[in-house]
Structure formats: C-alpha cells, structure tokens
Amino acid sequence: MTVDTTEFEAAAFRRLVAHLNARTDVQNIELMTLAGFCRNCLADWYREAAAERGVAIDKDAARERVYGMPFAEWKKRYQREATPEQVAAFEAAQKKHA
C-alpha cells in the first residue's frame, strides 16, 4: 500500500513555521550558523516548490508566509544587529555548510 505523505509533510511545514514564529528570539544568523538554513531559506524553498508546480509566488509573499508578517515589519520588530561573535561563527559555519 502506497501512502501519499503530502498532508503529513504540509502539517510538518506548518508546525515548523509556527515554531519559528514563536521563537522570534532566535535570529536568522543563529539558524544559519547552527543549521545551515534560516527563515529566508525556508521562504525560498516554499517559492521554489510553488514554481515547480506552475505557481508563481514572489519573494515578499513567500517571506510573509514564513514570517507571519511582511519581512520588513519582522525585521523592525525582532531582528537585532549581529554581534562580532555571531558574524565570526556564521563565517566559519559558511565554510562547513557550503
């Protein structure tokens, strides 16, 4: 028996987005450093998946889906200036995740 996992995968995506929206204290630079992806990456993947299915979603709309609000608003509310330590860790991680 073959099971269509699309609904499970969609539910997991929604749960991940909800979790990230609840964790506004976690900065994208920290996600990139530790996991090699961030909210912007997730929005890009969402947009690319839509395009593969013939649906055009622009970057701003995809980011709003992931951030739960316009990206500029999220940045204003929650994004902090990266510390020198965060930047150094990010740069080191970029080499590892490349």
Protein backbone atom coordinates (compact mmCIF):
# COMPACT_ATOMS: atom_id res chain seq x y z
CA MET A 1 0.00 0.00 0.00
CA THR A 2 1.37 3.38 -1.01
CA VAL A 3 0.66 6.32 1.28
CA ASP A 4 0.56 9.89 -0.01
CA THR A 5 2.66 11.78 2.54
CA THR A 6 1.82 15.26 1.22
CA GLU A 7 -0.59 16.05 4.06
CA PHE A 8 1.93 14.95 6.70
CA GLU A 9 4.67 16.98 5.08
CA ALA A 10 2.42 20.04 4.84
CA ALA A 11 1.49 19.69 8.52
CA ALA A 12 5.17 19.44 9.46
CA PHE A 13 5.91 22.58 7.41
CA ARG A 14 3.10 24.48 9.15
CA ARG A 15 4.37 23.32 12.54
CA LEU A 16 7.93 24.40 11.71
CA VAL A 17 6.70 27.82 10.59
CA ALA A 18 4.61 28.19 13.75
CA HIS A 19 7.57 27.17 15.89
CA LEU A 20 9.86 29.70 14.19
CA ASN A 21 7.19 32.39 14.57
CA ALA A 22 7.00 31.64 18.29
CA ARG A 23 10.80 31.84 18.58
CA THR A 24 11.40 35.38 17.38
CA ASP A 25 14.31 35.47 19.84
CA VAL A 26 16.22 33.10 17.55
CA GLN A 27 17.93 35.18 14.91
CA ASN A 28 18.42 34.06 11.30
CA ILE A 29 22.20 34.33 11.67
CA GLU A 30 22.00 31.82 14.54
CA LEU A 31 19.89 29.44 12.46
CA MET A 32 22.34 29.73 9.57
CA THR A 33 25.30 29.11 11.84
CA LEU A 34 23.83 26.05 13.54
CA ALA A 35 21.62 24.51 10.88
CA GLY A 36 22.76 25.92 7.56
CA PHE A 37 19.35 27.42 6.77
CA CYS A 38 17.15 30.23 8.05
CA ARG A 39 13.67 31.66 7.62
CA ASN A 40 14.69 33.25 4.31
CA CYS A 41 15.91 29.88 3.03
CA LEU A 42 12.61 28.30 4.02
CA ALA A 43 10.73 31.04 2.15
CA ASP A 44 12.92 30.44 -0.91
CA TRP A 45 12.23 26.70 -0.76
CA TYR A 46 8.50 27.42 -0.47
CA ARG A 47 8.65 29.73 -3.51
CA GLU A 48 10.70 27.20 -5.50
CA ALA A 49 8.27 24.36 -4.66
CA ALA A 50 5.39 26.50 -5.87
CA ALA A 51 7.26 27.35 -9.10
CA GLU A 52 7.91 23.64 -9.72
CA ARG A 53 4.14 23.19 -9.65
CA GLY A 54 3.49 26.11 -12.00
CA VAL A 55 2.52 28.65 -9.34
CA ALA A 56 4.37 31.96 -9.22
CA ILE A 57 4.88 33.37 -5.74
CA ASP A 58 7.10 36.39 -5.33
CA LYS A 59 9.84 36.63 -2.73
CA ASP A 60 7.91 39.03 -0.48
CA ALA A 61 4.80 36.83 -0.43
CA ALA A 62 6.85 33.73 0.36
CA ARG A 63 8.65 35.51 3.17
CA GLU A 64 5.35 36.79 4.57
CA ARG A 65 4.09 33.18 4.62
CA VAL A 66 7.12 32.09 6.64
CA TYR A 67 7.47 35.15 8.89
CA GLY A 68 3.74 35.57 9.51
CA MET A 69 4.00 39.24 8.56
CA PRO A 70 5.80 41.37 6.00
CA PHE A 71 9.55 40.79 6.23
CA ALA A 72 10.29 44.50 6.80
CA GLU A 73 7.93 44.51 9.78
CA TRP A 74 9.52 41.36 11.24
CA LYS A 75 12.99 42.89 10.87
CA LYS A 76 11.87 46.09 12.58
CA ARG A 77 10.26 44.22 15.48
CA TYR A 78 12.67 41.33 16.06
CA GLN A 79 15.94 41.46 14.15
CA ARG A 80 18.91 42.60 16.19
CA GLU A 81 22.30 43.72 14.97
CA ALA A 82 24.61 40.74 14.73
CA THR A 83 27.41 40.69 17.26
CA PRO A 84 31.01 40.29 16.11
CA GLU A 85 30.94 36.79 17.65
CA GLN A 86 27.81 35.86 15.66
CA VAL A 87 29.38 37.14 12.44
CA ALA A 88 32.58 35.16 13.07
CA ALA A 89 30.62 31.99 13.87
CA PHE A 90 28.49 32.50 10.76
CA GLU A 91 31.53 32.93 8.53
CA ALA A 92 33.14 29.79 9.95
CA ALA A 93 29.91 27.83 9.52
CA GLN A 94 29.51 29.00 5.91
CA LYS A 95 32.67 27.10 5.04
CA LYS A 96 31.30 23.97 6.71
CA HIS A 97 27.79 24.21 5.18
CA ALA A 98 28.94 25.13 1.67
